[in-house]
Amino acid sequence: MSGIVRTAVILITADDLRTVRASPDYAARPDHVEAEAIKAAFRARRAERRPFFLTGEELNQVFQWKLRGAHERTAFQRDRNTELAYRAVTEAVFRIVGPDIEYESVVRLGLLSALAGVGVPLASAVLGLTEPDHYCVIDRRGWRAIFGKERESFTPFDYVHYLGKVARLAAELGWPIQETDAAVREYDRRHGRC
């Protein structure tokens, strides 16, 4: 036997996600409840605002949800952004439509990432909570559950790759993409290494 240790990568399946979502504590998780409240608030804002945009306070809700304990540690970076910058950038983001989801994702993530202290994971959280039928939230947990590899930083192109995998699972399950992604991250919380 060689000295090389091979580990089998077990990719997540639709059945794994059904099991996670069916567990009694899944819907009651505080982060799940908070995400649903943010999505509902954004649906209401979208109905009120033409053109649609998000305020600094609304974005901060997303940042707190996504970053949890790290929110305060990195707030000084985001504090450099003005209310005008938040409004102008998010208005531009939501004006970008098509010609396909890959192009749209890369441009939207790039625009959001131009804000101080906002990288692809935070930008994806903004998209995932404002348009949950089309976008998901990329992070190390989701990446590890889908690809079986550790990863800490992401590019917009990594996001497109991840979104494609989550979209395939969502189609198989008949769930919204963001809901599928939430179950992927919960699966990793339960079965991942950290």
C-alpha atoms as a PDB file:
ATOM      1  CA  MET A   1       0.000   0.000   0.000  1.00  0.00           C
ATOM      2  CA  SER A   2       1.344   3.407  -0.896  1.00  0.00           C
ATOM      3  CA  GLY A   3       1.860   6.192   1.597  1.00  0.00           C
ATOM      4  CA  ILE A   4      -0.852   8.274  -0.082  1.00  0.00           C
ATOM      5  CA  VAL A   5      -4.078   8.446   1.858  1.00  0.00           C
ATOM      6  CA  ARG A   6      -7.100   8.883  -0.382  1.00  0.00           C
ATOM      7  CA  THR A   7     -10.282  10.257   1.024  1.00  0.00           C
ATOM      8  CA  ALA A   8     -13.586   9.810  -0.708  1.00  0.00           C
ATOM      9  CA  VAL A   9     -15.475  13.029  -1.295  1.00  0.00           C
ATOM     10  CA  ILE A  10     -19.128  12.451  -0.625  1.00  0.00           C
ATOM     11  CA  LEU A  11     -21.074  15.142  -2.407  1.00  0.00           C
ATOM     12  CA  ILE A  12     -24.322  16.279  -0.899  1.00  0.00           C
ATOM     13  CA  THR A  13     -27.516  14.879  -2.397  1.00  0.00           C
ATOM     14  CA  ALA A  14     -31.106  16.049  -2.642  1.00  0.00           C
ATOM     15  CA  ASP A  15     -32.056  13.357  -0.115  1.00  0.00           C
ATOM     16  CA  ASP A  16     -29.501  14.769   2.348  1.00  0.00           C
ATOM     17  CA  LEU A  17     -31.164  18.163   2.042  1.00  0.00           C
ATOM     18  CA  ARG A  18     -34.673  16.769   2.413  1.00  0.00           C
ATOM     19  CA  THR A  19     -33.563  15.120   5.651  1.00  0.00           C
ATOM     20  CA  VAL A  20     -32.050  18.354   6.975  1.00  0.00           C
ATOM     21  CA  ARG A  21     -35.128  20.394   6.089  1.00  0.00           C
ATOM     22  CA  ALA A  22     -37.479  17.815   7.642  1.00  0.00           C
ATOM     23  CA  SER A  23     -35.745  17.932  11.033  1.00  0.00           C
ATOM     24  CA  PRO A  24     -37.896  19.555  13.709  1.00  0.00           C
ATOM     25  CA  ASP A  25     -35.378  22.243  14.636  1.00  0.00           C
ATOM     26  CA  TYR A  26     -34.559  23.393  11.100  1.00  0.00           C
ATOM     27  CA  ALA A  27     -37.191  26.117  10.601  1.00  0.00           C
ATOM     28  CA  ALA A  28     -36.790  27.386  14.157  1.00  0.00           C
ATOM     29  CA  ARG A  29     -33.059  28.153  13.865  1.00  0.00           C
ATOM     30  CA  PRO A  30     -32.568  31.834  14.708  1.00  0.00           C
ATOM     31  CA  ASP A  31     -30.580  32.520  11.527  1.00  0.00           C
ATOM     32  CA  HIS A  32     -33.310  30.921   9.406  1.00  0.00           C
ATOM     33  CA  VAL A  33     -36.036  32.966  11.116  1.00  0.00           C
ATOM     34  CA  GLU A  34     -33.961  36.135  10.715  1.00  0.00           C
ATOM     35  CA  ALA A  35     -33.295  35.424   7.026  1.00  0.00           C
ATOM     36  CA  GLU A  36     -37.013  34.976   6.372  1.00  0.00           C
ATOM     37  CA  ALA A  37     -37.773  38.295   8.080  1.00  0.00           C
ATOM     38  CA  ILE A  38     -35.132  40.099   6.009  1.00  0.00           C
ATOM     39  CA  LYS A  39     -36.449  38.551   2.777  1.00  0.00           C
ATOM     40  CA  ALA A  40     -40.001  39.652   3.651  1.00  0.00           C
ATOM     41  CA  ALA A  41     -38.826  43.208   4.386  1.00  0.00           C
ATOM     42  CA  PHE A  42     -36.948  43.341   1.069  1.00  0.00           C
ATOM     43  CA  ARG A  43     -40.033  42.132  -0.833  1.00  0.00           C
ATOM     44  CA  ALA A  44     -41.960  45.023   0.746  1.00  0.00           C
ATOM     45  CA  ARG A  45     -39.223  47.551  -0.145  1.00  0.00           C
ATOM     46  CA  ARG A  46     -39.115  46.272  -3.726  1.00  0.00           C
ATOM     47  CA  ALA A  47     -42.864  46.929  -4.045  1.00  0.00           C
ATOM     48  CA  GLU A  48     -42.405  50.479  -2.700  1.00  0.00           C
ATOM     49  CA  ARG A  49     -39.235  51.653  -4.425  1.00  0.00           C
ATOM     50  CA  ARG A  50     -38.815  52.403  -8.099  1.00  0.00           C
ATOM     51  CA  PRO A  51     -35.962  52.013  -8.825  1.00  0.00           C
ATOM     52  CA  PHE A  52     -35.193  49.470  -6.142  1.00  0.00           C
ATOM     53  CA  PHE A  53     -32.260  50.133  -3.804  1.00  0.00           C
ATOM     54  CA  LEU A  54     -31.170  49.270  -0.282  1.00  0.00           C
ATOM     55  CA  THR A  55     -30.195  51.685   2.458  1.00  0.00           C
ATOM     56  CA  GLY A  56     -27.156  51.371   4.684  1.00  0.00           C
ATOM     57  CA  GLU A  57     -29.384  50.262   7.554  1.00  0.00           C
ATOM     58  CA  GLU A  58     -30.981  47.548   5.400  1.00  0.00           C
ATOM     59  CA  LEU A  59     -27.590  46.342   4.189  1.00  0.00           C
ATOM     60  CA  ASN A  60     -26.359  46.312   7.768  1.00  0.00           C
ATOM     61  CA  GLN A  61     -29.136  43.837   8.622  1.00  0.00           C
ATOM     62  CA  VAL A  62     -27.740  41.532   5.932  1.00  0.00           C
ATOM     63  CA  PHE A  63     -24.180  42.052   7.165  1.00  0.00           C
ATOM     64  CA  GLN A  64     -25.169  41.245  10.763  1.00  0.00           C
ATOM     65  CA  TRP A  65     -27.051  38.139   9.623  1.00  0.00           C
ATOM     66  CA  LYS A  66     -24.160  36.891   7.500  1.00  0.00           C
ATOM     67  CA  LEU A  67     -21.241  37.812   9.742  1.00  0.00           C
ATOM     68  CA  ARG A  68     -22.734  37.074  13.156  1.00  0.00           C
ATOM     69  CA  GLY A  69     -19.899  37.495  15.679  1.00  0.00           C
ATOM     70  CA  ALA A  70     -17.497  38.927  13.114  1.00  0.00           C
ATOM     71  CA  HIS A  71     -19.817  41.834  12.287  1.00  0.00           C
ATOM     72  CA  GLU A  72     -18.372  44.273  14.816  1.00  0.00           C
ATOM     73  CA  ARG A  73     -14.812  43.183  14.107  1.00  0.00           C
ATOM     74  CA  THR A  74     -15.091  44.286  10.463  1.00  0.00           C
ATOM     75  CA  ALA A  75     -17.575  47.169  10.808  1.00  0.00           C
ATOM     76  CA  PHE A  76     -14.850  49.821  10.630  1.00  0.00           C
ATOM     77  CA  GLN A  77     -14.242  48.881   6.994  1.00  0.00           C
ATOM     78  CA  ARG A  78     -17.902  49.221   6.026  1.00  0.00           C
ATOM     79  CA  ASP A  79     -18.246  52.456   8.021  1.00  0.00           C
ATOM     80  CA  ARG A  80     -16.265  54.159   5.246  1.00  0.00           C
ATOM     81  CA  ASN A  81     -19.250  53.716   2.900  1.00  0.00           C
ATOM     82  CA  THR A  82     -21.709  56.597   2.788  1.00  0.00           C
ATOM     83  CA  GLU A  83     -25.466  56.324   2.549  1.00  0.00           C
ATOM     84  CA  LEU A  84     -25.211  57.793  -0.940  1.00  0.00           C
ATOM     85  CA  ALA A  85     -22.717  55.086  -1.934  1.00  0.00           C
ATOM     86  CA  TYR A  86     -24.955  52.327  -0.592  1.00  0.00           C
ATOM     87  CA  ARG A  87     -27.952  53.672  -2.454  1.00  0.00           C
ATOM     88  CA  ALA A  88     -26.107  54.339  -5.732  1.00  0.00           C
ATOM     89  CA  VAL A  89     -24.370  50.957  -5.771  1.00  0.00           C
ATOM     90  CA  THR A  90     -27.434  48.904  -4.872  1.00  0.00           C
ATOM     91  CA  GLU A  91     -29.602  50.813  -7.334  1.00  0.00           C
ATOM     92  CA  ALA A  92     -27.048  50.043 -10.051  1.00  0.00           C
ATOM     93  CA  VAL A  93     -26.891  46.406  -8.952  1.00  0.00           C
ATOM     94  CA  PHE A  94     -30.614  45.871  -9.295  1.00  0.00           C
ATOM     95  CA  ARG A  95     -30.755  47.621 -12.666  1.00  0.00           C
ATOM     96  CA  ILE A  96     -28.400  44.978 -14.087  1.00  0.00           C
ATOM     97  CA  VAL A  97     -30.576  42.274 -15.620  1.00  0.00           C
ATOM     98  CA  GLY A  98     -29.293  39.479 -17.874  1.00  0.00           C
ATOM     99  CA  PRO A  99     -28.496  38.542 -20.507  1.00  0.00           C
ATOM    100  CA  ASP A 100     -28.017  35.414 -18.378  1.00  0.00           C
ATOM    101  CA  ILE A 101     -27.627  34.639 -14.683  1.00  0.00           C
ATOM    102  CA  GLU A 102     -23.871  34.060 -14.994  1.00  0.00           C
ATOM    103  CA  TYR A 103     -23.224  37.505 -16.493  1.00  0.00           C
ATOM    104  CA  GLU A 104     -25.694  39.152 -14.139  1.00  0.00           C
ATOM    105  CA  SER A 105     -24.096  37.494 -11.095  1.00  0.00           C
ATOM    106  CA  VAL A 106     -20.549  38.485 -11.983  1.00  0.00           C
ATOM    107  CA  VAL A 107     -21.477  42.130 -12.645  1.00  0.00           C
ATOM    108  CA  ARG A 108     -23.714  42.440  -9.590  1.00  0.00           C
ATOM    109  CA  LEU A 109     -21.150  40.838  -7.275  1.00  0.00           C
ATOM    110  CA  GLY A 110     -18.443  43.082  -8.709  1.00  0.00           C
ATOM    111  CA  LEU A 111     -20.492  46.207  -8.066  1.00  0.00           C
ATOM    112  CA  LEU A 112     -21.355  45.206  -4.503  1.00  0.00           C
ATOM    113  CA  SER A 113     -17.746  44.203  -3.825  1.00  0.00           C
ATOM    114  CA  ALA A 114     -16.659  47.746  -4.769  1.00  0.00           C
ATOM    115  CA  LEU A 115     -18.090  48.868  -1.423  1.00  0.00           C
ATOM    116  CA  ALA A 116     -15.503  48.993   1.374  1.00  0.00           C
ATOM    117  CA  GLY A 117     -15.596  45.852   3.513  1.00  0.00           C
ATOM    118  CA  VAL A 118     -17.901  43.923   1.180  1.00  0.00           C
ATOM    119  CA  GLY A 119     -16.449  40.835  -0.474  1.00  0.00           C
ATOM    120  CA  VAL A 120     -18.138  38.175  -2.560  1.00  0.00           C
ATOM    121  CA  PRO A 121     -19.658  36.291   0.424  1.00  0.00           C
ATOM    122  CA  LEU A 122     -21.331  39.448   1.789  1.00  0.00           C
ATOM    123  CA  ALA A 123     -22.359  40.530  -1.708  1.00  0.00           C
ATOM    124  CA  SER A 124     -23.888  37.104  -2.308  1.00  0.00           C
ATOM    125  CA  ALA A 125     -25.846  37.432   0.943  1.00  0.00           C
ATOM    126  CA  VAL A 126     -27.346  40.686  -0.348  1.00  0.00           C
ATOM    127  CA  LEU A 127     -28.359  38.987  -3.592  1.00  0.00           C
ATOM    128  CA  GLY A 128     -29.574  35.810  -1.870  1.00  0.00           C
ATOM    129  CA  LEU A 129     -31.827  37.690   0.525  1.00  0.00           C
ATOM    130  CA  THR A 130     -33.203  40.137  -2.047  1.00  0.00           C
ATOM    131  CA  GLU A 131     -33.757  37.606  -4.852  1.00  0.00           C
ATOM    132  CA  PRO A 132     -33.922  34.160  -3.203  1.00  0.00           C
ATOM    133  CA  ASP A 133     -35.377  32.473  -6.282  1.00  0.00           C
ATOM    134  CA  HIS A 134     -32.265  33.314  -8.312  1.00  0.00           C
ATOM    135  CA  TYR A 135     -29.353  33.690  -5.898  1.00  0.00           C
ATOM    136  CA  CYS A 136     -27.753  31.941  -2.955  1.00  0.00           C
ATOM    137  CA  VAL A 137     -25.124  32.788  -0.345  1.00  0.00           C
ATOM    138  CA  ILE A 138     -21.606  31.496  -0.848  1.00  0.00           C
ATOM    139  CA  ASP A 139     -19.408  30.712   2.122  1.00  0.00           C
ATOM    140  CA  ARG A 140     -16.952  28.086   3.314  1.00  0.00           C
ATOM    141  CA  ARG A 141     -19.698  25.812   4.657  1.00  0.00           C
ATOM    142  CA  GLY A 142     -21.642  25.680   1.424  1.00  0.00           C
ATOM    143  CA  TRP A 143     -18.493  25.253  -0.662  1.00  0.00           C
ATOM    144  CA  ARG A 144     -17.274  22.395   1.550  1.00  0.00           C
ATOM    145  CA  ALA A 145     -20.658  20.628   1.437  1.00  0.00           C
ATOM    146  CA  ILE A 146     -20.954  20.930  -2.355  1.00  0.00           C
ATOM    147  CA  PHE A 147     -17.358  20.405  -3.449  1.00  0.00           C
ATOM    148  CA  GLY A 148     -15.800  18.586  -0.495  1.00  0.00           C
ATOM    149  CA  LYS A 149     -12.981  21.138  -0.303  1.00  0.00           C
ATOM    150  CA  GLU A 150     -11.999  23.845   2.135  1.00  0.00           C
ATOM    151  CA  ARG A 151     -12.129  27.393   0.819  1.00  0.00           C
ATOM    152  CA  GLU A 152     -12.071  30.767   2.571  1.00  0.00           C
ATOM    153  CA  SER A 153     -12.163  33.349  -0.231  1.00  0.00           C
ATOM    154  CA  PHE A 154     -14.209  33.477  -3.397  1.00  0.00           C
ATOM    155  CA  THR A 155     -14.319  35.301  -6.715  1.00  0.00           C
ATOM    156  CA  PRO A 156     -17.470  36.114  -8.670  1.00  0.00           C
ATOM    157  CA  PHE A 157     -16.553  33.200 -10.975  1.00  0.00           C
ATOM    158  CA  ASP A 158     -16.353  30.813  -7.993  1.00  0.00           C
ATOM    159  CA  TYR A 159     -19.809  32.059  -7.086  1.00  0.00           C
ATOM    160  CA  VAL A 160     -21.186  31.269 -10.547  1.00  0.00           C
ATOM    161  CA  HIS A 161     -19.772  27.737 -10.277  1.00  0.00           C
ATOM    162  CA  TYR A 162     -21.319  27.273  -6.822  1.00  0.00           C
ATOM    163  CA  LEU A 163     -24.647  28.799  -7.891  1.00  0.00           C
ATOM    164  CA  GLY A 164     -24.842  26.330 -10.783  1.00  0.00           C
ATOM    165  CA  LYS A 165     -24.462  23.357  -8.436  1.00  0.00           C
ATOM    166  CA  VAL A 166     -27.009  24.727  -5.968  1.00  0.00           C
ATOM    167  CA  ALA A 167     -29.427  25.521  -8.816  1.00  0.00           C
ATOM    168  CA  ARG A 168     -29.258  21.904 -10.012  1.00  0.00           C
ATOM    169  CA  LEU A 169     -30.116  20.661  -6.514  1.00  0.00           C
ATOM    170  CA  ALA A 170     -32.895  23.255  -6.236  1.00  0.00           C
ATOM    171  CA  ALA A 171     -34.403  22.101  -9.533  1.00  0.00           C
ATOM    172  CA  GLU A 172     -34.288  18.487  -8.385  1.00  0.00           C
ATOM    173  CA  LEU A 173     -35.945  19.413  -5.084  1.00  0.00           C
ATOM    174  CA  GLY A 174     -38.404  21.972  -6.462  1.00  0.00           C
ATOM    175  CA  TRP A 175     -37.170  24.507  -3.884  1.00  0.00           C
ATOM    176  CA  PRO A 176     -36.020  28.105  -4.282  1.00  0.00           C
ATOM    177  CA  ILE A 177     -32.270  28.390  -4.780  1.00  0.00           C
ATOM    178  CA  GLN A 178     -31.632  30.302  -1.566  1.00  0.00           C
ATOM    179  CA  GLU A 179     -33.670  27.802   0.470  1.00  0.00           C
ATOM    180  CA  THR A 180     -31.673  24.968  -1.059  1.00  0.00           C
ATOM    181  CA  ASP A 181     -28.454  26.776  -0.200  1.00  0.00           C
ATOM    182  CA  ALA A 182     -29.608  27.335   3.398  1.00  0.00           C
ATOM    183  CA  ALA A 183     -30.171  23.584   3.714  1.00  0.00           C
ATOM    184  CA  VAL A 184     -26.702  22.949   2.218  1.00  0.00           C
ATOM    185  CA  ARG A 185     -25.089  25.163   4.867  1.00  0.00           C
ATOM    186  CA  GLU A 186     -27.164  23.544   7.607  1.00  0.00           C
ATOM    187  CA  TYR A 187     -26.068  20.110   6.370  1.00  0.00           C
ATOM    188  CA  ASP A 188     -22.466  21.253   6.717  1.00  0.00           C
ATOM    189  CA  ARG A 189     -23.128  22.622  10.228  1.00  0.00           C
ATOM    190  CA  ARG A 190     -24.353  19.182  11.224  1.00  0.00           C
ATOM    191  CA  HIS A 191     -21.777  17.098   9.347  1.00  0.00           C
ATOM    192  CA  GLY A 192     -18.834  19.436   8.643  1.00  0.00           C
ATOM    193  CA  ARG A 193     -15.655  19.662  10.606  1.00  0.00           C
ATOM    194  CA  CYS A 194     -16.253  23.108  12.129  1.00  0.00           C
END
